Amino acid sequence: MTDTAYAPQQRHIEVIGDLFGGGLTDGRILWRPYVQPGREAVDVHWLYTGEETGPDGAEAYIAHFRPGAHGDLHRHLGFELLLILEGELVNDNGDVYPAGTLVVERPDSVHRVSSPGGCKMLVIREKRTLPLRPGELPDTGLALDGAQLISG
């Protein structure tokens, strides 16, 4: 048996240090407008996109909702994980998620989020979302039906 040495390969790695300190606000993150019908005052820093992972592929980004921002009404085709890093996010069912809250949206949930005071969050989607117009699908506004709310 021969012992072969491992040689690290060149690869692209993105590292954003001190994310809970100055990393969100000190200019290291390049914010770009998230232009999409029904979405307003939202900027993002893409970590990876559906263009990189495939047509229904995963995507991840850090979102900056400026005060008064809102997302579009959409249906999830896969799981979505949100980690609120700063500020508060409001779900259309009335739930308010302060900094430090982890939210898992399930496939087929329909919702729209907003942030009256502004917030920043990490968004990881297993699959893309499908933008909807109000009334396009039955929307009870209860994106978390059946989910357990764990507070600590």
N, C-alpha and C. Protein backbone atom coordinates (compact mmCIF):
# COMPACT_ATOMS: atom_id res chain seq x y z
N MET A 1 0.86 -1.17 0.00
CA MET A 1 0.00 0.00 0.00
C MET A 1 0.90 1.23 0.00
N THR A 2 0.62 2.16 -0.87
CA THR A 2 1.44 3.37 -0.92
C THR A 2 0.71 4.52 -0.26
N ASP A 3 1.48 5.39 0.31
CA ASP A 3 0.93 6.56 0.98
C ASP A 3 1.09 7.76 0.06
N THR A 4 -0.02 8.25 -0.47
CA THR A 4 0.05 9.40 -1.36
C THR A 4 -0.29 10.67 -0.59
N ALA A 5 0.45 11.70 -0.86
CA ALA A 5 0.23 12.97 -0.18
C ALA A 5 -0.93 13.70 -0.83
N TYR A 6 -1.70 14.34 -0.03
CA TYR A 6 -2.82 15.15 -0.52
C TYR A 6 -2.28 16.52 -0.90
N ALA A 7 -2.61 16.98 -2.07
CA ALA A 7 -2.23 18.31 -2.52
C ALA A 7 -3.50 19.15 -2.68
N PRO A 8 -3.67 20.21 -1.87
CA PRO A 8 -4.86 21.05 -1.99
C PRO A 8 -5.01 21.61 -3.40
N GLN A 9 -6.24 21.64 -3.88
CA GLN A 9 -6.53 22.15 -5.21
C GLN A 9 -6.91 23.62 -5.13
N GLN A 10 -6.64 24.34 -6.20
CA GLN A 10 -7.08 25.72 -6.29
C GLN A 10 -8.60 25.71 -6.46
N ARG A 11 -9.28 26.54 -5.71
CA ARG A 11 -10.74 26.63 -5.80
C ARG A 11 -11.17 27.99 -5.29
N HIS A 12 -12.38 28.35 -5.65
CA HIS A 12 -12.92 29.63 -5.22
C HIS A 12 -13.68 29.40 -3.90
N ILE A 13 -13.28 30.11 -2.88
CA ILE A 13 -13.94 30.04 -1.58
C ILE A 13 -14.29 31.47 -1.19
N GLU A 14 -15.55 31.68 -0.84
CA GLU A 14 -15.96 33.00 -0.36
C GLU A 14 -16.06 32.94 1.16
N VAL A 15 -15.38 33.85 1.82
CA VAL A 15 -15.40 33.92 3.27
C VAL A 15 -15.78 35.33 3.66
N ILE A 16 -16.82 35.44 4.49
CA ILE A 16 -17.21 36.74 5.04
C ILE A 16 -17.05 36.62 6.54
N GLY A 17 -15.99 37.18 7.05
CA GLY A 17 -15.70 37.08 8.48
C GLY A 17 -16.50 38.07 9.30
N ASP A 18 -16.62 37.79 10.57
CA ASP A 18 -17.25 38.68 11.53
C ASP A 18 -18.66 39.09 11.11
N LEU A 19 -19.42 38.12 10.59
CA LEU A 19 -20.76 38.40 10.09
C LEU A 19 -21.68 38.97 11.17
N PHE A 20 -21.50 38.55 12.41
CA PHE A 20 -22.37 39.05 13.49
C PHE A 20 -21.82 40.32 14.11
N GLY A 21 -20.65 40.75 13.66
CA GLY A 21 -20.08 42.02 14.10
C GLY A 21 -20.19 43.01 12.97
N GLY A 22 -19.07 43.48 12.48
CA GLY A 22 -19.06 44.49 11.44
C GLY A 22 -19.20 43.96 10.03
N GLY A 23 -19.15 42.64 9.85
CA GLY A 23 -19.15 42.05 8.51
C GLY A 23 -20.36 42.40 7.66
N LEU A 24 -21.48 42.69 8.28
CA LEU A 24 -22.69 43.04 7.52
C LEU A 24 -22.72 44.51 7.10
N THR A 25 -21.92 45.33 7.76
CA THR A 25 -22.07 46.78 7.55
C THR A 25 -20.79 47.51 7.16
N ASP A 26 -19.65 46.84 7.13
CA ASP A 26 -18.39 47.56 6.93
C ASP A 26 -17.93 47.65 5.47
N GLY A 27 -18.81 47.30 4.53
CA GLY A 27 -18.47 47.44 3.12
C GLY A 27 -17.88 46.21 2.46
N ARG A 28 -17.67 45.14 3.20
CA ARG A 28 -17.11 43.92 2.60
C ARG A 28 -18.13 43.19 1.73
N ILE A 29 -19.40 43.39 2.04
CA ILE A 29 -20.45 42.72 1.26
C ILE A 29 -20.87 43.64 0.13
N LEU A 30 -20.86 43.10 -1.08
CA LEU A 30 -21.29 43.85 -2.25
C LEU A 30 -22.78 43.62 -2.46
N TRP A 31 -23.60 44.62 -2.15
CA TRP A 31 -25.05 44.51 -2.28
C TRP A 31 -25.46 44.88 -3.69
N ARG A 32 -26.38 44.09 -4.25
CA ARG A 32 -26.95 44.36 -5.58
C ARG A 32 -28.48 44.37 -5.44
N PRO A 33 -29.15 45.26 -6.17
CA PRO A 33 -30.62 45.28 -6.10
C PRO A 33 -31.19 43.93 -6.54
N TYR A 34 -32.19 43.45 -5.81
CA TYR A 34 -32.91 42.24 -6.19
C TYR A 34 -34.13 42.71 -6.95
N VAL A 35 -34.04 42.73 -8.26
CA VAL A 35 -35.11 43.26 -9.10
C VAL A 35 -36.01 42.11 -9.51
N GLN A 36 -37.25 42.18 -9.07
CA GLN A 36 -38.23 41.14 -9.36
C GLN A 36 -39.61 41.76 -9.15
N PRO A 37 -40.57 41.48 -10.02
CA PRO A 37 -41.91 42.03 -9.82
C PRO A 37 -42.45 41.69 -8.43
N GLY A 38 -43.02 42.67 -7.76
CA GLY A 38 -43.60 42.44 -6.44
C GLY A 38 -42.60 42.56 -5.30
N ARG A 39 -41.35 42.81 -5.61
CA ARG A 39 -40.31 42.92 -4.58
C ARG A 39 -39.84 44.37 -4.58
N GLU A 40 -39.69 44.94 -3.38
CA GLU A 40 -39.30 46.34 -3.31
C GLU A 40 -38.30 46.56 -2.18
N ALA A 41 -37.27 47.37 -2.47
CA ALA A 41 -36.28 47.81 -1.48
C ALA A 41 -35.48 46.66 -0.89
N VAL A 42 -35.16 45.66 -1.73
CA VAL A 42 -34.39 44.50 -1.29
C VAL A 42 -33.09 44.45 -2.09
N ASP A 43 -31.98 44.33 -1.37
CA ASP A 43 -30.68 44.12 -1.98
C ASP A 43 -30.16 42.77 -1.54
N VAL A 44 -29.32 42.16 -2.36
CA VAL A 44 -28.79 40.83 -2.02
C VAL A 44 -27.30 40.75 -2.32
N HIS A 45 -26.67 39.83 -1.65
CA HIS A 45 -25.31 39.41 -1.96
C HIS A 45 -25.42 37.91 -2.24
N TRP A 46 -25.30 37.52 -3.50
CA TRP A 46 -25.47 36.12 -3.90
C TRP A 46 -24.27 35.29 -3.44
N LEU A 47 -24.55 34.16 -2.82
CA LEU A 47 -23.52 33.19 -2.45
C LEU A 47 -23.41 32.13 -3.55
N TYR A 48 -24.57 31.65 -4.01
CA TYR A 48 -24.66 30.82 -5.22
C TYR A 48 -26.07 30.93 -5.77
N THR A 49 -26.20 30.72 -7.07
CA THR A 49 -27.48 30.96 -7.74
C THR A 49 -27.96 29.71 -8.48
N GLY A 50 -29.21 29.74 -8.90
CA GLY A 50 -29.77 28.67 -9.71
C GLY A 50 -29.04 28.52 -11.03
N GLU A 51 -28.46 29.60 -11.53
CA GLU A 51 -27.66 29.50 -12.75
C GLU A 51 -26.46 28.58 -12.55
N GLU A 52 -25.93 28.56 -11.34
CA GLU A 52 -24.78 27.71 -11.03
C GLU A 52 -25.18 26.28 -10.68
N THR A 53 -26.39 26.11 -10.11
CA THR A 53 -26.78 24.80 -9.59
C THR A 53 -27.81 24.08 -10.46
N GLY A 54 -28.34 24.74 -11.48
CA GLY A 54 -29.30 24.10 -12.38
C GLY A 54 -30.65 24.78 -12.34
N PRO A 55 -31.53 24.46 -13.29
CA PRO A 55 -32.79 25.19 -13.44
C PRO A 55 -33.70 25.16 -12.21
N ASP A 56 -33.73 24.08 -11.48
CA ASP A 56 -34.49 24.03 -10.23
C ASP A 56 -33.55 23.96 -9.04
N GLY A 57 -32.32 24.37 -9.26
CA GLY A 57 -31.27 24.18 -8.28
C GLY A 57 -31.38 25.08 -7.06
N ALA A 58 -30.53 24.78 -6.13
CA ALA A 58 -30.46 25.53 -4.88
C ALA A 58 -29.90 26.92 -5.12
N GLU A 59 -30.21 27.82 -4.19
CA GLU A 59 -29.62 29.15 -4.22
C GLU A 59 -29.48 29.64 -2.78
N ALA A 60 -28.50 30.50 -2.59
CA ALA A 60 -28.27 31.07 -1.27
C ALA A 60 -27.79 32.50 -1.42
N TYR A 61 -28.25 33.35 -0.51
CA TYR A 61 -27.84 34.75 -0.55
C TYR A 61 -28.04 35.38 0.82
N ILE A 62 -27.39 36.51 1.01
CA ILE A 62 -27.65 37.34 2.17
C ILE A 62 -28.54 38.47 1.66
N ALA A 63 -29.68 38.64 2.30
CA ALA A 63 -30.64 39.66 1.87
C ALA A 63 -30.60 40.85 2.82
N HIS A 64 -30.72 42.03 2.25
CA HIS A 64 -30.83 43.26 3.02
C HIS A 64 -32.17 43.89 2.66
N PHE A 65 -33.12 43.80 3.57
CA PHE A 65 -34.41 44.46 3.41
C PHE A 65 -34.26 45.85 4.02
N ARG A 66 -34.32 46.88 3.20
CA ARG A 66 -34.28 48.24 3.72
C ARG A 66 -35.61 48.51 4.44
N PRO A 67 -35.67 49.52 5.33
CA PRO A 67 -36.93 49.79 6.03
C PRO A 67 -38.09 49.93 5.05
N GLY A 68 -39.17 49.21 5.33
CA GLY A 68 -40.36 49.21 4.48
C GLY A 68 -40.32 48.20 3.34
N ALA A 69 -39.24 47.44 3.22
CA ALA A 69 -39.09 46.49 2.12
C ALA A 69 -40.07 45.33 2.25
N HIS A 70 -40.37 44.73 1.10
CA HIS A 70 -41.17 43.52 1.10
C HIS A 70 -40.73 42.63 -0.05
N GLY A 71 -40.93 41.35 0.15
CA GLY A 71 -40.68 40.38 -0.90
C GLY A 71 -41.94 40.19 -1.73
N ASP A 72 -41.82 39.37 -2.74
CA ASP A 72 -42.96 39.07 -3.59
C ASP A 72 -43.79 37.96 -2.95
N LEU A 73 -45.04 37.83 -3.37
CA LEU A 73 -45.86 36.68 -2.99
C LEU A 73 -45.34 35.50 -3.80
N HIS A 74 -45.01 34.41 -3.12
CA HIS A 74 -44.42 33.27 -3.84
C HIS A 74 -44.74 31.94 -3.17
N ARG A 75 -44.62 30.89 -3.97
CA ARG A 75 -44.80 29.52 -3.49
C ARG A 75 -43.43 28.85 -3.54
N HIS A 76 -43.13 28.13 -2.48
CA HIS A 76 -41.85 27.41 -2.39
C HIS A 76 -41.95 26.06 -3.09
N LEU A 77 -40.99 25.78 -3.96
CA LEU A 77 -40.92 24.49 -4.63
C LEU A 77 -40.09 23.49 -3.83
N GLY A 78 -39.35 23.99 -2.87
CA GLY A 78 -38.53 23.15 -1.99
C GLY A 78 -38.43 23.83 -0.63
N PHE A 79 -37.59 23.30 0.22
CA PHE A 79 -37.39 23.89 1.54
C PHE A 79 -36.63 25.21 1.43
N GLU A 80 -36.91 26.11 2.37
CA GLU A 80 -36.16 27.37 2.48
C GLU A 80 -35.79 27.55 3.95
N LEU A 81 -34.56 27.93 4.17
CA LEU A 81 -34.08 28.21 5.52
C LEU A 81 -33.71 29.68 5.59
N LEU A 82 -34.25 30.38 6.59
CA LEU A 82 -33.94 31.79 6.82
C LEU A 82 -33.31 31.92 8.19
N LEU A 83 -32.21 32.65 8.28
CA LEU A 83 -31.61 32.99 9.57
C LEU A 83 -31.57 34.51 9.64
N ILE A 84 -32.34 35.07 10.56
CA ILE A 84 -32.40 36.52 10.69
C ILE A 84 -31.14 36.96 11.42
N LEU A 85 -30.35 37.78 10.75
CA LEU A 85 -29.06 38.21 11.29
C LEU A 85 -29.15 39.54 12.03
N GLU A 86 -30.07 40.39 11.59
CA GLU A 86 -30.18 41.74 12.13
C GLU A 86 -31.58 42.26 11.84
N GLY A 87 -32.18 43.00 12.77
CA GLY A 87 -33.51 43.57 12.55
C GLY A 87 -34.61 42.55 12.74
N GLU A 88 -35.77 42.80 12.12
CA GLU A 88 -36.93 41.92 12.23
C GLU A 88 -37.56 41.69 10.86
N LEU A 89 -37.99 40.45 10.63
CA LEU A 89 -38.73 40.08 9.44
C LEU A 89 -40.15 39.75 9.85
N VAL A 90 -41.14 40.17 9.05
CA VAL A 90 -42.54 39.92 9.36
C VAL A 90 -43.12 39.03 8.26
N ASN A 91 -43.71 37.89 8.67
CA ASN A 91 -44.36 37.00 7.72
C ASN A 91 -45.80 37.48 7.55
N ASP A 92 -46.41 37.17 6.41
CA ASP A 92 -47.77 37.67 6.15
C ASP A 92 -48.82 37.06 7.06
N ASN A 93 -48.48 36.03 7.82
CA ASN A 93 -49.43 35.47 8.78
C ASN A 93 -49.37 36.19 10.13
N GLY A 94 -48.50 37.23 10.22
CA GLY A 94 -48.41 38.02 11.44
C GLY A 94 -47.23 37.66 12.31
N ASP A 95 -46.55 36.56 12.05
CA ASP A 95 -45.38 36.20 12.85
C ASP A 95 -44.27 37.21 12.63
N VAL A 96 -43.58 37.57 13.71
CA VAL A 96 -42.45 38.49 13.65
C VAL A 96 -41.21 37.71 14.10
N TYR A 97 -40.16 37.77 13.28
CA TYR A 97 -38.94 37.02 13.55
C TYR A 97 -37.80 38.00 13.83
N PRO A 98 -37.37 38.12 15.09
CA PRO A 98 -36.25 39.01 15.42
C PRO A 98 -34.90 38.35 15.10
N ALA A 99 -33.84 39.14 15.19
CA ALA A 99 -32.49 38.64 14.96
C ALA A 99 -32.25 37.39 15.81
N GLY A 100 -31.61 36.40 15.22
CA GLY A 100 -31.33 35.15 15.91
C GLY A 100 -32.37 34.07 15.65
N THR A 101 -33.44 34.40 14.92
CA THR A 101 -34.50 33.43 14.64
C THR A 101 -34.17 32.63 13.39
N LEU A 102 -34.38 31.33 13.47
CA LEU A 102 -34.22 30.42 12.34
C LEU A 102 -35.62 29.99 11.90
N VAL A 103 -35.92 30.15 10.62
CA VAL A 103 -37.24 29.82 10.08
C VAL A 103 -37.04 28.81 8.95
N VAL A 104 -37.83 27.74 8.94
CA VAL A 104 -37.80 26.76 7.86
C VAL A 104 -39.17 26.75 7.20
N GLU A 105 -39.22 27.19 5.95
CA GLU A 105 -40.44 27.13 5.15
C GLU A 105 -40.44 25.80 4.41
N ARG A 106 -41.60 25.17 4.33
CA ARG A 106 -41.72 23.86 3.70
C ARG A 106 -42.15 23.98 2.24
N PRO A 107 -41.89 22.96 1.44
CA PRO A 107 -42.35 22.98 0.05
C PRO A 107 -43.86 23.24 -0.02
N ASP A 108 -44.28 24.00 -1.01
CA ASP A 108 -45.66 24.37 -1.28
C ASP A 108 -46.22 25.44 -0.35
N SER A 109 -45.42 25.94 0.61
CA SER A 109 -45.93 27.05 1.41
C SER A 109 -45.98 28.30 0.54
N VAL A 110 -46.97 29.14 0.80
CA VAL A 110 -47.17 30.38 0.06
C VAL A 110 -47.13 31.51 1.07
N HIS A 111 -46.30 32.52 0.79
CA HIS A 111 -46.24 33.65 1.71
C HIS A 111 -45.57 34.84 1.07
N ARG A 112 -45.62 35.94 1.82
CA ARG A 112 -44.94 37.18 1.45
C ARG A 112 -44.38 37.75 2.74
N VAL A 113 -43.14 38.20 2.71
CA VAL A 113 -42.50 38.75 3.91
C VAL A 113 -42.22 40.23 3.71
N SER A 114 -42.07 40.93 4.84
CA SER A 114 -41.76 42.35 4.81
C SER A 114 -40.90 42.68 6.03
N SER A 115 -40.38 43.90 6.04
CA SER A 115 -39.60 44.35 7.18
C SER A 115 -39.79 45.86 7.35
N PRO A 116 -40.75 46.25 8.21
CA PRO A 116 -41.02 47.68 8.40
C PRO A 116 -39.77 48.48 8.83
N GLY A 117 -38.94 47.88 9.69
CA GLY A 117 -37.75 48.58 10.19
C GLY A 117 -36.46 48.19 9.49
N GLY A 118 -36.53 47.23 8.59
CA GLY A 118 -35.34 46.74 7.89
C GLY A 118 -34.73 45.53 8.59
N CYS A 119 -34.08 44.68 7.81
CA CYS A 119 -33.42 43.51 8.39
C CYS A 119 -32.39 42.96 7.40
N LYS A 120 -31.56 42.08 7.92
CA LYS A 120 -30.62 41.34 7.09
C LYS A 120 -30.76 39.87 7.48
N MET A 121 -30.69 38.99 6.48
CA MET A 121 -30.88 37.57 6.76
C MET A 121 -30.14 36.71 5.76
N LEU A 122 -29.81 35.52 6.18
CA LEU A 122 -29.25 34.51 5.31
C LEU A 122 -30.42 33.69 4.78
N VAL A 123 -30.46 33.50 3.45
CA VAL A 123 -31.54 32.75 2.81
C VAL A 123 -30.90 31.59 2.05
N ILE A 124 -31.35 30.37 2.34
CA ILE A 124 -30.88 29.18 1.63
C ILE A 124 -32.10 28.45 1.12
N ARG A 125 -32.19 28.32 -0.19
CA ARG A 125 -33.33 27.65 -0.81
C ARG A 125 -32.87 26.37 -1.48
N GLU A 126 -33.58 25.29 -1.18
CA GLU A 126 -33.31 23.99 -1.80
C GLU A 126 -33.65 24.02 -3.29
N LYS A 127 -34.74 24.71 -3.61
CA LYS A 127 -35.21 24.88 -5.00
C LYS A 127 -35.72 26.30 -5.14
N ARG A 128 -35.92 26.72 -6.36
CA ARG A 128 -36.40 28.07 -6.61
C ARG A 128 -37.83 28.25 -6.07
N THR A 129 -38.28 29.49 -6.08
CA THR A 129 -39.66 29.79 -5.71
C THR A 129 -40.41 30.21 -6.97
N LEU A 130 -41.72 30.15 -6.88
CA LEU A 130 -42.57 30.52 -8.00
C LEU A 130 -43.32 31.80 -7.62
N PRO A 131 -43.01 32.93 -8.26
CA PRO A 131 -43.73 34.17 -7.95
C PRO A 131 -45.22 34.03 -8.28
N LEU A 132 -46.07 34.60 -7.46
CA LEU A 132 -47.52 34.53 -7.64
C LEU A 132 -48.11 35.93 -7.58
N ARG A 133 -49.26 36.10 -8.20
CA ARG A 133 -50.04 37.31 -8.05
C ARG A 133 -51.09 37.05 -6.97
N PRO A 134 -51.44 38.06 -6.16
CA PRO A 134 -52.48 37.84 -5.15
C PRO A 134 -53.72 37.23 -5.78
N GLY A 135 -54.25 36.19 -5.15
CA GLY A 135 -55.44 35.51 -5.63
C GLY A 135 -55.17 34.44 -6.66
N GLU A 136 -53.92 34.29 -7.10
CA GLU A 136 -53.59 33.29 -8.12
C GLU A 136 -53.78 31.87 -7.58
N LEU A 137 -53.44 31.66 -6.33
CA LEU A 137 -53.66 30.38 -5.66
C LEU A 137 -54.35 30.68 -4.33
N PRO A 138 -55.10 29.72 -3.81
CA PRO A 138 -55.64 29.95 -2.48
C PRO A 138 -54.51 30.26 -1.52
N ASP A 139 -54.57 31.39 -0.84
CA ASP A 139 -53.51 31.81 0.06
C ASP A 139 -54.13 32.20 1.39
N THR A 140 -53.99 31.32 2.36
CA THR A 140 -54.55 31.59 3.68
C THR A 140 -53.67 32.54 4.47
N GLY A 141 -52.44 32.77 3.99
CA GLY A 141 -51.51 33.59 4.75
C GLY A 141 -50.87 32.82 5.87
N LEU A 142 -51.15 31.54 5.96
CA LEU A 142 -50.61 30.73 7.05
C LEU A 142 -49.48 29.85 6.53
N ALA A 143 -48.38 30.46 6.24
CA ALA A 143 -47.24 29.74 5.68
C ALA A 143 -46.70 28.70 6.66
N LEU A 144 -46.97 28.87 7.93
CA LEU A 144 -46.40 27.95 8.92
C LEU A 144 -47.42 26.96 9.43
N ASP A 145 -48.53 26.74 8.72
CA ASP A 145 -49.49 25.72 9.15
C ASP A 145 -48.76 24.41 9.41
N GLY A 146 -48.97 23.83 10.56
CA GLY A 146 -48.38 22.54 10.87
C GLY A 146 -46.94 22.62 11.39
N ALA A 147 -46.34 23.80 11.37
CA ALA A 147 -44.96 23.92 11.86
C ALA A 147 -44.99 24.21 13.35
N GLN A 148 -43.97 23.79 14.03
CA GLN A 148 -43.84 24.06 15.45
C GLN A 148 -43.03 25.33 15.63
N LEU A 149 -43.55 26.26 16.42
CA LEU A 149 -42.82 27.47 16.75
C LEU A 149 -42.09 27.22 18.06
N ILE A 150 -40.78 27.27 18.00
CA ILE A 150 -39.96 27.00 19.18
C ILE A 150 -39.35 28.31 19.61
N SER A 151 -39.63 28.72 20.83
CA SER A 151 -39.03 29.96 21.33
C SER A 151 -38.18 29.62 22.53
N GLY A 152 -37.24 30.45 22.76
CA GLY A 152 -36.33 30.13 23.85
C GLY A 152 -36.04 31.32 24.60
